[in-house]
């Protein structure tokens, strides 16, 4: 039986695991961007990353970039999918 190995970085974030992060390095969909922006501040990075199948650090980087570019609130208020 295959066991899932959980590895964490020095900040305690779960490292990439193909079984847990199937969307790793795939382009973000509009639905994913909307979900991430709507629920990141409510549910947190860990929960959002597990739902969209991406690493916590990738989600944190995305959110930082979206906020810097002024797009975080746009996706948060989109009301298209969520």
PDB file of N, CA and C in Angstrom:
ATOM      1  N   UNK A   1       0.851  -1.176   0.000  1.00  0.00           N
ATOM      2  CA  UNK A   1       0.000   0.000   0.000  1.00  0.00           C
ATOM      3  C   UNK A   1       0.895   1.237   0.000  1.00  0.00           C
ATOM      4  N   UNK A   2       0.529   2.230  -0.824  1.00  0.00           N
ATOM      5  CA  UNK A   2       1.286   3.478  -0.903  1.00  0.00           C
ATOM      6  C   UNK A   2       0.923   4.378   0.265  1.00  0.00           C
ATOM      7  N   UNK A   3       1.943   4.868   0.924  1.00  0.00           N
ATOM      8  CA  UNK A   3       1.717   5.809   2.014  1.00  0.00           C
ATOM      9  C   UNK A   3       1.995   7.212   1.516  1.00  0.00           C
ATOM     10  N   UNK A   4       1.187   8.141   1.952  1.00  0.00           N
ATOM     11  CA  UNK A   4       1.455   9.530   1.637  1.00  0.00           C
ATOM     12  C   UNK A   4       2.518  10.035   2.598  1.00  0.00           C
ATOM     13  N   UNK A   5       3.554  10.622   2.047  1.00  0.00           N
ATOM     14  CA  UNK A   5       4.593  11.214   2.875  1.00  0.00           C
ATOM     15  C   UNK A   5       4.365  12.713   2.928  1.00  0.00           C
ATOM     16  N   UNK A   6       4.270  13.227   4.122  1.00  0.00           N
ATOM     17  CA  UNK A   6       4.049  14.654   4.298  1.00  0.00           C
ATOM     18  C   UNK A   6       5.361  15.296   4.695  1.00  0.00           C
ATOM     19  N   UNK A   7       5.807  16.235   3.882  1.00  0.00           N
ATOM     20  CA  UNK A   7       7.016  16.988   4.189  1.00  0.00           C
ATOM     21  C   UNK A   7       6.636  18.452   4.318  1.00  0.00           C
ATOM     22  N   UNK A   8       7.263  19.121   5.262  1.00  0.00           N
ATOM     23  CA  UNK A   8       6.963  20.517   5.531  1.00  0.00           C
ATOM     24  C   UNK A   8       8.216  21.364   5.372  1.00  0.00           C
ATOM     25  N   UNK A   9       8.022  22.622   4.958  1.00  0.00           N
ATOM     26  CA  UNK A   9       9.159  23.521   4.844  1.00  0.00           C
ATOM     27  C   UNK A   9       9.465  24.117   6.219  1.00  0.00           C
ATOM     28  N   UNK A  10      10.466  24.993   6.277  1.00  0.00           N
ATOM     29  CA  UNK A  10      10.887  25.544   7.568  1.00  0.00           C
ATOM     30  C   UNK A  10       9.825  26.437   8.214  1.00  0.00           C
ATOM     31  N   UNK A  11       8.851  26.875   7.423  1.00  0.00           N
ATOM     32  CA  UNK A  11       7.757  27.690   7.957  1.00  0.00           C
ATOM     33  C   UNK A  11       6.541  26.860   8.354  1.00  0.00           C
ATOM     34  N   UNK A  12       6.636  25.540   8.213  1.00  0.00           N
ATOM     35  CA  UNK A  12       5.541  24.652   8.604  1.00  0.00           C
ATOM     36  C   UNK A  12       4.501  24.445   7.530  1.00  0.00           C
ATOM     37  N   UNK A  13       4.793  24.866   6.290  1.00  0.00           N
ATOM     38  CA  UNK A  13       3.849  24.691   5.185  1.00  0.00           C
ATOM     39  C   UNK A  13       4.107  23.355   4.510  1.00  0.00           C
ATOM     40  N   UNK A  14       3.044  22.695   4.129  1.00  0.00           N
ATOM     41  CA  UNK A  14       3.137  21.416   3.442  1.00  0.00           C
ATOM     42  C   UNK A  14       3.833  21.594   2.102  1.00  0.00           C
ATOM     43  N   UNK A  15       4.863  20.801   1.848  1.00  0.00           N
ATOM     44  CA  UNK A  15       5.572  20.869   0.569  1.00  0.00           C
ATOM     45  C   UNK A  15       4.774  20.167  -0.517  1.00  0.00           C
ATOM     46  N   UNK A  16       5.165  20.407  -1.753  1.00  0.00           N
ATOM     47  CA  UNK A  16       4.486  19.819  -2.908  1.00  0.00           C
ATOM     48  C   UNK A  16       4.441  18.297  -2.816  1.00  0.00           C
ATOM     49  N   UNK A  17       3.254  17.762  -3.072  1.00  0.00           N
ATOM     50  CA  UNK A  17       3.028  16.326  -3.135  1.00  0.00           C
ATOM     51  C   UNK A  17       2.028  16.119  -4.266  1.00  0.00           C
ATOM     52  N   UNK A  18       2.390  15.371  -5.316  1.00  0.00           N
ATOM     53  CA  UNK A  18       1.495  15.234  -6.465  1.00  0.00           C
ATOM     54  C   UNK A  18       0.119  14.671  -6.126  1.00  0.00           C
ATOM     55  N   UNK A  19       0.025  13.875  -5.090  1.00  0.00           N
ATOM     56  CA  UNK A  19      -1.274  13.311  -4.705  1.00  0.00           C
ATOM     57  C   UNK A  19      -2.177  14.363  -4.066  1.00  0.00           C
ATOM     58  N   UNK A  20      -1.577  15.362  -3.444  1.00  0.00           N
ATOM     59  CA  UNK A  20      -2.345  16.390  -2.742  1.00  0.00           C
ATOM     60  C   UNK A  20      -2.487  17.682  -3.536  1.00  0.00           C
ATOM     61  N   UNK A  21      -1.621  17.866  -4.524  1.00  0.00           N
ATOM     62  CA  UNK A  21      -1.590  19.118  -5.291  1.00  0.00           C
ATOM     63  C   UNK A  21      -1.683  18.836  -6.793  1.00  0.00           C
ATOM     64  N   UNK A  22      -2.824  18.329  -7.250  1.00  0.00           N
ATOM     65  CA  UNK A  22      -2.957  17.941  -8.661  1.00  0.00           C
ATOM     66  C   UNK A  22      -2.934  19.114  -9.644  1.00  0.00           C
ATOM     67  N   UNK A  23      -3.152  20.327  -9.163  1.00  0.00           N
ATOM     68  CA  UNK A  23      -3.185  21.488 -10.058  1.00  0.00           C
ATOM     69  C   UNK A  23      -1.878  22.270 -10.067  1.00  0.00           C
ATOM     70  N   UNK A  24      -0.857  21.704  -9.452  1.00  0.00           N
ATOM     71  CA  UNK A  24       0.448  22.358  -9.373  1.00  0.00           C
ATOM     72  C   UNK A  24       0.959  22.703 -10.771  1.00  0.00           C
ATOM     73  N   UNK A  25       1.344  23.957 -10.953  1.00  0.00           N
ATOM     74  CA  UNK A  25       1.899  24.497 -12.208  1.00  0.00           C
ATOM     75  C   UNK A  25       0.899  24.581 -13.351  1.00  0.00           C
ATOM     76  N   UNK A  26      -0.362  24.314 -13.085  1.00  0.00           N
ATOM     77  CA  UNK A  26      -1.387  24.505 -14.113  1.00  0.00           C
ATOM     78  C   UNK A  26      -1.858  25.960 -14.042  1.00  0.00           C
ATOM     79  N   UNK A  27      -2.351  26.497 -15.141  1.00  0.00           N
ATOM     80  CA  UNK A  27      -2.886  27.867 -15.094  1.00  0.00           C
ATOM     81  C   UNK A  27      -4.112  27.937 -14.177  1.00  0.00           C
ATOM     82  N   UNK A  28      -4.269  29.069 -13.534  1.00  0.00           N
ATOM     83  CA  UNK A  28      -5.437  29.267 -12.673  1.00  0.00           C
ATOM     84  C   UNK A  28      -6.673  29.518 -13.533  1.00  0.00           C
ATOM     85  N   UNK A  29      -7.785  28.955 -13.115  1.00  0.00           N
ATOM     86  CA  UNK A  29      -9.051  29.248 -13.781  1.00  0.00           C
ATOM     87  C   UNK A  29      -9.665  30.470 -13.100  1.00  0.00           C
ATOM     88  N   UNK A  30     -10.609  31.097 -13.763  1.00  0.00           N
ATOM     89  CA  UNK A  30     -11.319  32.233 -13.167  1.00  0.00           C
ATOM     90  C   UNK A  30     -12.037  31.779 -11.896  1.00  0.00           C
ATOM     91  N   UNK A  31     -12.602  30.591 -11.932  1.00  0.00           N
ATOM     92  CA  UNK A  31     -13.294  30.045 -10.760  1.00  0.00           C
ATOM     93  C   UNK A  31     -12.340  29.886  -9.581  1.00  0.00           C
ATOM     94  N   UNK A  32     -11.137  29.382  -9.831  1.00  0.00           N
ATOM     95  CA  UNK A  32     -10.148  29.233  -8.763  1.00  0.00           C
ATOM     96  C   UNK A  32      -9.743  30.590  -8.195  1.00  0.00           C
ATOM     97  N   UNK A  33      -9.473  31.546  -9.064  1.00  0.00           N
ATOM     98  CA  UNK A  33      -9.071  32.875  -8.607  1.00  0.00           C
ATOM     99  C   UNK A  33     -10.167  33.510  -7.756  1.00  0.00           C
ATOM    100  N   UNK A  34     -11.391  33.357  -8.195  1.00  0.00           N
ATOM    101  CA  UNK A  34     -12.514  33.906  -7.434  1.00  0.00           C
ATOM    102  C   UNK A  34     -12.618  33.217  -6.071  1.00  0.00           C
ATOM    103  N   UNK A  35     -12.532  31.897  -6.058  1.00  0.00           N
ATOM    104  CA  UNK A  35     -12.624  31.145  -4.794  1.00  0.00           C
ATOM    105  C   UNK A  35     -11.506  31.552  -3.833  1.00  0.00           C
ATOM    106  N   UNK A  36     -10.292  31.590  -4.346  1.00  0.00           N
ATOM    107  CA  UNK A  36      -9.134  31.930  -3.510  1.00  0.00           C
ATOM    108  C   UNK A  36      -9.324  33.308  -2.882  1.00  0.00           C
ATOM    109  N   UNK A  37      -9.713  34.275  -3.675  1.00  0.00           N
ATOM    110  CA  UNK A  37      -9.867  35.643  -3.165  1.00  0.00           C
ATOM    111  C   UNK A  37     -11.045  35.785  -2.209  1.00  0.00           C
ATOM    112  N   UNK A  38     -12.106  35.051  -2.435  1.00  0.00           N
ATOM    113  CA  UNK A  38     -13.268  35.129  -1.546  1.00  0.00           C
ATOM    114  C   UNK A  38     -13.001  34.481  -0.188  1.00  0.00           C
ATOM    115  N   UNK A  39     -12.287  33.380  -0.176  1.00  0.00           N
ATOM    116  CA  UNK A  39     -12.173  32.586   1.048  1.00  0.00           C
ATOM    117  C   UNK A  39     -10.807  32.596   1.713  1.00  0.00           C
ATOM    118  N   UNK A  40      -9.814  33.204   1.112  1.00  0.00           N
ATOM    119  CA  UNK A  40      -8.466  33.237   1.692  1.00  0.00           C
ATOM    120  C   UNK A  40      -8.474  33.873   3.079  1.00  0.00           C
ATOM    121  N   UNK A  41      -9.121  35.003   3.206  1.00  0.00           N
ATOM    122  CA  UNK A  41      -9.130  35.710   4.490  1.00  0.00           C
ATOM    123  C   UNK A  41     -10.091  35.091   5.503  1.00  0.00           C
ATOM    124  N   UNK A  42     -11.028  34.273   5.041  1.00  0.00           N
ATOM    125  CA  UNK A  42     -11.995  33.622   5.929  1.00  0.00           C
ATOM    126  C   UNK A  42     -11.466  32.267   6.405  1.00  0.00           C
ATOM    127  N   UNK A  43     -11.091  31.419   5.457  1.00  0.00           N
ATOM    128  CA  UNK A  43     -10.680  30.050   5.779  1.00  0.00           C
ATOM    129  C   UNK A  43      -9.181  29.867   5.945  1.00  0.00           C
ATOM    130  N   UNK A  44      -8.386  30.774   5.425  1.00  0.00           N
ATOM    131  CA  UNK A  44      -6.941  30.684   5.557  1.00  0.00           C
ATOM    132  C   UNK A  44      -6.268  29.954   4.408  1.00  0.00           C
ATOM    133  N   UNK A  45      -4.977  30.133   4.350  1.00  0.00           N
ATOM    134  CA  UNK A  45      -4.150  29.587   3.276  1.00  0.00           C
ATOM    135  C   UNK A  45      -4.200  28.065   3.214  1.00  0.00           C
ATOM    136  N   UNK A  46      -4.127  27.414   4.339  1.00  0.00           N
ATOM    137  CA  UNK A  46      -4.084  25.947   4.368  1.00  0.00           C
ATOM    138  C   UNK A  46      -5.358  25.332   3.787  1.00  0.00           C
ATOM    139  N   UNK A  47      -6.495  25.821   4.209  1.00  0.00           N
ATOM    140  CA  UNK A  47      -7.771  25.299   3.727  1.00  0.00           C
ATOM    141  C   UNK A  47      -7.963  25.574   2.236  1.00  0.00           C
ATOM    142  N   UNK A  48      -7.711  26.801   1.825  1.00  0.00           N
ATOM    143  CA  UNK A  48      -7.887  27.181   0.423  1.00  0.00           C
ATOM    144  C   UNK A  48      -6.945  26.375  -0.472  1.00  0.00           C
ATOM    145  N   UNK A  49      -5.707  26.198  -0.041  1.00  0.00           N
ATOM    146  CA  UNK A  49      -4.745  25.463  -0.868  1.00  0.00           C
ATOM    147  C   UNK A  49      -5.158  24.008  -1.045  1.00  0.00           C
ATOM    148  N   UNK A  50      -5.703  23.401  -0.007  1.00  0.00           N
ATOM    149  CA  UNK A  50      -6.112  21.997  -0.139  1.00  0.00           C
ATOM    150  C   UNK A  50      -7.337  21.865  -1.051  1.00  0.00           C
ATOM    151  N   UNK A  51      -8.213  22.837  -1.038  1.00  0.00           N
ATOM    152  CA  UNK A  51      -9.419  22.782  -1.875  1.00  0.00           C
ATOM    153  C   UNK A  51      -9.079  22.956  -3.344  1.00  0.00           C
ATOM    154  N   UNK A  52      -8.167  23.872  -3.666  1.00  0.00           N
ATOM    155  CA  UNK A  52      -7.834  24.108  -5.076  1.00  0.00           C
ATOM    156  C   UNK A  52      -6.683  23.239  -5.570  1.00  0.00           C
ATOM    157  N   UNK A  53      -6.105  22.417  -4.688  1.00  0.00           N
ATOM    158  CA  UNK A  53      -5.068  21.470  -5.100  1.00  0.00           C
ATOM    159  C   UNK A  53      -3.745  22.103  -5.452  1.00  0.00           C
ATOM    160  N   UNK A  54      -3.359  23.103  -4.667  1.00  0.00           N
ATOM    161  CA  UNK A  54      -2.082  23.791  -4.877  1.00  0.00           C
ATOM    162  C   UNK A  54      -1.387  23.953  -3.538  1.00  0.00           C
ATOM    163  N   UNK A  55      -0.099  24.244  -3.559  1.00  0.00           N
ATOM    164  CA  UNK A  55       0.642  24.362  -2.303  1.00  0.00           C
ATOM    165  C   UNK A  55       0.299  25.672  -1.590  1.00  0.00           C
ATOM    166  N   UNK A  56       0.523  25.669  -0.292  1.00  0.00           N
ATOM    167  CA  UNK A  56       0.262  26.861   0.514  1.00  0.00           C
ATOM    168  C   UNK A  56       1.130  28.026   0.064  1.00  0.00           C
ATOM    169  N   UNK A  57       2.391  27.751  -0.232  1.00  0.00           N
ATOM    170  CA  UNK A  57       3.281  28.838  -0.635  1.00  0.00           C
ATOM    171  C   UNK A  57       2.879  29.422  -1.983  1.00  0.00           C
ATOM    172  N   UNK A  58       2.368  28.592  -2.880  1.00  0.00           N
ATOM    173  CA  UNK A  58       1.900  29.085  -4.170  1.00  0.00           C
ATOM    174  C   UNK A  58       0.687  29.990  -3.982  1.00  0.00           C
ATOM    175  N   UNK A  59      -0.215  29.594  -3.108  1.00  0.00           N
ATOM    176  CA  UNK A  59      -1.402  30.399  -2.829  1.00  0.00           C
ATOM    177  C   UNK A  59      -0.998  31.730  -2.191  1.00  0.00           C
ATOM    178  N   UNK A  60      -0.074  31.680  -1.235  1.00  0.00           N
ATOM    179  CA  UNK A  60       0.379  32.913  -0.585  1.00  0.00           C
ATOM    180  C   UNK A  60       1.026  33.856  -1.596  1.00  0.00           C
ATOM    181  N   UNK A  61       1.831  33.319  -2.498  1.00  0.00           N
ATOM    182  CA  UNK A  61       2.472  34.147  -3.526  1.00  0.00           C
ATOM    183  C   UNK A  61       1.441  34.750  -4.471  1.00  0.00           C
ATOM    184  N   UNK A  62       0.461  33.947  -4.851  1.00  0.00           N
ATOM    185  CA  UNK A  62      -0.595  34.428  -5.738  1.00  0.00           C
ATOM    186  C   UNK A  62      -1.365  35.570  -5.084  1.00  0.00           C
ATOM    187  N   UNK A  63      -1.773  35.381  -3.838  1.00  0.00           N
ATOM    188  CA  UNK A  63      -2.545  36.404  -3.136  1.00  0.00           C
ATOM    189  C   UNK A  63      -1.722  37.685  -3.013  1.00  0.00           C
ATOM    190  N   UNK A  64      -0.455  37.559  -2.683  1.00  0.00           N
ATOM    191  CA  UNK A  64       0.417  38.729  -2.574  1.00  0.00           C
ATOM    192  C   UNK A  64       0.471  39.475  -3.910  1.00  0.00           C
ATOM    193  N   UNK A  65       0.660  38.736  -5.002  1.00  0.00           N
ATOM    194  CA  UNK A  65       0.744  39.344  -6.331  1.00  0.00           C
ATOM    195  C   UNK A  65      -0.586  39.999  -6.729  1.00  0.00           C
ATOM    196  N   UNK A  66      -1.706  39.318  -6.465  1.00  0.00           N
ATOM    197  CA  UNK A  66      -3.010  39.880  -6.804  1.00  0.00           C
ATOM    198  C   UNK A  66      -3.286  41.167  -6.027  1.00  0.00           C
ATOM    199  N   UNK A  67      -2.922  41.189  -4.755  1.00  0.00           N
ATOM    200  CA  UNK A  67      -3.112  42.400  -3.950  1.00  0.00           C
ATOM    201  C   UNK A  67      -2.220  43.526  -4.460  1.00  0.00           C
ATOM    202  N   UNK A  68      -0.988  43.187  -4.784  1.00  0.00           N
ATOM    203  CA  UNK A  68      -0.046  44.185  -5.296  1.00  0.00           C
ATOM    204  C   UNK A  68      -0.537  44.778  -6.618  1.00  0.00           C
ATOM    205  N   UNK A  69      -1.114  43.946  -7.468  1.00  0.00           N
ATOM    206  CA  UNK A  69      -1.601  44.385  -8.772  1.00  0.00           C
ATOM    207  C   UNK A  69      -3.019  44.967  -8.729  1.00  0.00           C
ATOM    208  N   UNK A  70      -3.639  44.958  -7.552  1.00  0.00           N
ATOM    209  CA  UNK A  70      -4.984  45.503  -7.415  1.00  0.00           C
ATOM    210  C   UNK A  70      -6.083  44.605  -7.955  1.00  0.00           C
ATOM    211  N   UNK A  71      -5.797  43.325  -8.110  1.00  0.00           N
ATOM    212  CA  UNK A  71      -6.781  42.399  -8.671  1.00  0.00           C
ATOM    213  C   UNK A  71      -7.465  41.536  -7.616  1.00  0.00           C
ATOM    214  N   UNK A  72      -6.981  41.542  -6.386  1.00  0.00           N
ATOM    215  CA  UNK A  72      -7.544  40.694  -5.334  1.00  0.00           C
ATOM    216  C   UNK A  72      -9.019  41.020  -5.110  1.00  0.00           C
ATOM    217  N   UNK A  73      -9.333  42.290  -4.929  1.00  0.00           N
ATOM    218  CA  UNK A  73     -10.729  42.691  -4.683  1.00  0.00           C
ATOM    219  C   UNK A  73     -11.603  42.465  -5.916  1.00  0.00           C
ATOM    220  N   UNK A  74     -11.024  42.595  -7.090  1.00  0.00           N
ATOM    221  CA  UNK A  74     -11.792  42.327  -8.317  1.00  0.00           C
ATOM    222  C   UNK A  74     -12.314  40.893  -8.302  1.00  0.00           C
ATOM    223  N   UNK A  75     -11.419  39.920  -8.067  1.00  0.00           N
ATOM    224  CA  UNK A  75     -11.843  38.511  -8.047  1.00  0.00           C
ATOM    225  C   UNK A  75     -12.716  38.205  -6.838  1.00  0.00           C
ATOM    226  N   UNK A  76     -12.438  38.855  -5.717  1.00  0.00           N
ATOM    227  CA  UNK A  76     -13.232  38.643  -4.504  1.00  0.00           C
ATOM    228  C   UNK A  76     -14.688  39.056  -4.715  1.00  0.00           C
ATOM    229  N   UNK A  77     -14.906  40.116  -5.479  1.00  0.00           N
ATOM    230  CA  UNK A  77     -16.247  40.645  -5.705  1.00  0.00           C
ATOM    231  C   UNK A  77     -16.872  40.184  -7.019  1.00  0.00           C
ATOM    232  N   UNK A  78     -16.263  39.239  -7.709  1.00  0.00           N
ATOM    233  CA  UNK A  78     -16.678  38.866  -9.052  1.00  0.00           C
ATOM    234  C   UNK A  78     -18.092  38.289  -9.124  1.00  0.00           C
ATOM    235  N   UNK A  79     -18.462  37.400  -8.208  1.00  0.00           N
ATOM    236  CA  UNK A  79     -19.807  36.793  -8.168  1.00  0.00           C
ATOM    237  C   UNK A  79     -20.177  36.059  -9.449  1.00  0.00           C
ATOM    238  N   UNK A  80     -19.194  35.418 -10.051  1.00  0.00           N
ATOM    239  CA  UNK A  80     -19.463  34.648 -11.266  1.00  0.00           C
ATOM    240  C   UNK A  80     -19.665  33.165 -10.947  1.00  0.00           C
ATOM    241  N   UNK A  81     -18.826  32.625 -10.097  1.00  0.00           N
ATOM    242  CA  UNK A  81     -18.891  31.202  -9.781  1.00  0.00           C
ATOM    243  C   UNK A  81     -19.215  30.931  -8.307  1.00  0.00           C
ATOM    244  N   UNK A  82     -18.809  31.813  -7.411  1.00  0.00           N
ATOM    245  CA  UNK A  82     -18.960  31.543  -5.976  1.00  0.00           C
ATOM    246  C   UNK A  82     -19.801  32.595  -5.335  1.00  0.00           C
TER     247      UNK A  82
END
